């Protein structure tokens, strides 16, 4: 399946994204999204970067500080591959 990591916000607000193919089962993906989901009580930081992970037509916010070691390489690659995109 294809996943896309999107970054928004920042001091100079630009949207960046990167996508890649992954070999995750639906169960693995659901568990991963549960673990990396940001705390809903956390306040947004002015000029902070915010991330969302898109799989198919579904997007969910993610906290990259919560990514388990097993998936760190995947998210590091996605972050390093990010390019500026135009959002509709």
C-alpha atoms as a PDB file:
ATOM      1  CA  UNK A   1       0.000   0.000   0.000  1.00  0.00           C
ATOM      2  CA  UNK A   2       1.060   3.568  -0.592  1.00  0.00           C
ATOM      3  CA  UNK A   3       1.433   5.999   2.332  1.00  0.00           C
ATOM      4  CA  UNK A   4       2.003   9.734   2.166  1.00  0.00           C
ATOM      5  CA  UNK A   5       3.431  11.906   4.933  1.00  0.00           C
ATOM      6  CA  UNK A   6       2.381  15.557   4.767  1.00  0.00           C
ATOM      7  CA  UNK A   7       3.935  18.387   6.781  1.00  0.00           C
ATOM      8  CA  UNK A   8       2.164  21.701   7.277  1.00  0.00           C
ATOM      9  CA  UNK A   9       2.893  24.787   9.349  1.00  0.00           C
ATOM     10  CA  UNK A  10       6.277  26.140  10.283  1.00  0.00           C
ATOM     11  CA  UNK A  11       7.694  29.635  10.568  1.00  0.00           C
ATOM     12  CA  UNK A  12       7.419  29.967   6.795  1.00  0.00           C
ATOM     13  CA  UNK A  13       4.237  27.985   6.186  1.00  0.00           C
ATOM     14  CA  UNK A  14       4.778  25.629   3.284  1.00  0.00           C
ATOM     15  CA  UNK A  15       3.290  22.224   2.714  1.00  0.00           C
ATOM     16  CA  UNK A  16       5.660  19.364   2.019  1.00  0.00           C
ATOM     17  CA  UNK A  17       4.909  15.735   1.267  1.00  0.00           C
ATOM     18  CA  UNK A  18       6.530  12.431   0.412  1.00  0.00           C
ATOM     19  CA  UNK A  19       5.062   9.046  -0.361  1.00  0.00           C
ATOM     20  CA  UNK A  20       6.282   5.483  -0.559  1.00  0.00           C
ATOM     21  CA  UNK A  21       5.071   1.916  -0.847  1.00  0.00           C
ATOM     22  CA  UNK A  22       4.977  -0.102   2.392  1.00  0.00           C
ATOM     23  CA  UNK A  23       4.307  -3.728   3.180  1.00  0.00           C
ATOM     24  CA  UNK A  24       2.075  -3.335   6.219  1.00  0.00           C
ATOM     25  CA  UNK A  25      -0.963  -5.411   6.991  1.00  0.00           C
ATOM     26  CA  UNK A  26      -4.166  -3.562   7.797  1.00  0.00           C
ATOM     27  CA  UNK A  27      -3.757  -4.631  11.428  1.00  0.00           C
ATOM     28  CA  UNK A  28      -0.187  -3.289  11.593  1.00  0.00           C
ATOM     29  CA  UNK A  29      -1.307   0.007  10.090  1.00  0.00           C
ATOM     30  CA  UNK A  30      -4.191   0.396  12.551  1.00  0.00           C
ATOM     31  CA  UNK A  31      -1.873  -0.306  15.506  1.00  0.00           C
ATOM     32  CA  UNK A  32       0.754   2.109  14.191  1.00  0.00           C
ATOM     33  CA  UNK A  33      -1.797   4.892  13.752  1.00  0.00           C
ATOM     34  CA  UNK A  34      -3.103   4.309  17.282  1.00  0.00           C
ATOM     35  CA  UNK A  35       0.407   4.607  18.732  1.00  0.00           C
ATOM     36  CA  UNK A  36       1.458   7.726  16.794  1.00  0.00           C
ATOM     37  CA  UNK A  37      -1.836   9.605  17.119  1.00  0.00           C
ATOM     38  CA  UNK A  38      -1.168  12.951  18.834  1.00  0.00           C
ATOM     39  CA  UNK A  39      -2.619  13.709  22.239  1.00  0.00           C
ATOM     40  CA  UNK A  40      -5.908  15.562  21.549  1.00  0.00           C
ATOM     41  CA  UNK A  41      -5.284  17.725  24.631  1.00  0.00           C
ATOM     42  CA  UNK A  42      -1.916  18.945  23.332  1.00  0.00           C
ATOM     43  CA  UNK A  43      -1.899  22.586  22.330  1.00  0.00           C
ATOM     44  CA  UNK A  44      -0.785  23.625  18.887  1.00  0.00           C
ATOM     45  CA  UNK A  45       2.493  25.494  18.936  1.00  0.00           C
ATOM     46  CA  UNK A  46       2.673  28.741  17.006  1.00  0.00           C
ATOM     47  CA  UNK A  47       4.893  28.223  13.944  1.00  0.00           C
ATOM     48  CA  UNK A  48       5.136  24.494  14.725  1.00  0.00           C
ATOM     49  CA  UNK A  49       5.262  21.718  12.148  1.00  0.00           C
ATOM     50  CA  UNK A  50       2.327  19.344  11.980  1.00  0.00           C
ATOM     51  CA  UNK A  51       2.215  15.992  10.246  1.00  0.00           C
ATOM     52  CA  UNK A  52      -0.498  13.777   8.856  1.00  0.00           C
ATOM     53  CA  UNK A  53      -0.301  10.342   7.321  1.00  0.00           C
ATOM     54  CA  UNK A  54      -2.492   9.587   4.325  1.00  0.00           C
ATOM     55  CA  UNK A  55      -3.381   6.041   3.311  1.00  0.00           C
ATOM     56  CA  UNK A  56      -5.789   5.818   0.392  1.00  0.00           C
ATOM     57  CA  UNK A  57      -8.444   8.486   0.990  1.00  0.00           C
ATOM     58  CA  UNK A  58      -7.926   8.611   4.766  1.00  0.00           C
ATOM     59  CA  UNK A  59      -5.656  11.068   6.559  1.00  0.00           C
ATOM     60  CA  UNK A  60      -4.865  11.180  10.249  1.00  0.00           C
ATOM     61  CA  UNK A  61      -2.669  13.516  12.287  1.00  0.00           C
ATOM     62  CA  UNK A  62       0.489  11.930  13.667  1.00  0.00           C
ATOM     63  CA  UNK A  63       3.081  12.710  16.341  1.00  0.00           C
ATOM     64  CA  UNK A  64       6.462  11.710  14.945  1.00  0.00           C
ATOM     65  CA  UNK A  65       7.943  11.639  18.447  1.00  0.00           C
ATOM     66  CA  UNK A  66       5.787   8.576  19.141  1.00  0.00           C
ATOM     67  CA  UNK A  67       6.943   6.497  16.157  1.00  0.00           C
ATOM     68  CA  UNK A  68       8.128   3.065  17.394  1.00  0.00           C
ATOM     69  CA  UNK A  69      11.722   2.049  16.629  1.00  0.00           C
ATOM     70  CA  UNK A  70      10.461  -0.566  14.166  1.00  0.00           C
ATOM     71  CA  UNK A  71       9.139   2.229  11.897  1.00  0.00           C
ATOM     72  CA  UNK A  72      11.747   4.970  12.483  1.00  0.00           C
ATOM     73  CA  UNK A  73      13.616   4.228   9.232  1.00  0.00           C
ATOM     74  CA  UNK A  74      10.377   4.487   7.242  1.00  0.00           C
ATOM     75  CA  UNK A  75       9.475   7.868   8.717  1.00  0.00           C
ATOM     76  CA  UNK A  76      13.054   9.159   8.433  1.00  0.00           C
ATOM     77  CA  UNK A  77      13.030   8.294   4.736  1.00  0.00           C
ATOM     78  CA  UNK A  78       9.668   9.981   4.235  1.00  0.00           C
ATOM     79  CA  UNK A  79      10.878  13.137   6.015  1.00  0.00           C
ATOM     80  CA  UNK A  80      14.092  13.276   3.983  1.00  0.00           C
ATOM     81  CA  UNK A  81      12.177  12.774   0.703  1.00  0.00           C
ATOM     82  CA  UNK A  82       9.689  15.612   1.371  1.00  0.00           C
ATOM     83  CA  UNK A  83       9.185  18.175  -1.361  1.00  0.00           C
ATOM     84  CA  UNK A  84       7.065  21.320  -1.448  1.00  0.00           C
ATOM     85  CA  UNK A  85       3.572  20.748  -2.815  1.00  0.00           C
ATOM     86  CA  UNK A  86       0.621  22.988  -3.559  1.00  0.00           C
ATOM     87  CA  UNK A  87      -2.498  22.214  -1.546  1.00  0.00           C
ATOM     88  CA  UNK A  88      -5.983  22.805  -2.852  1.00  0.00           C
END
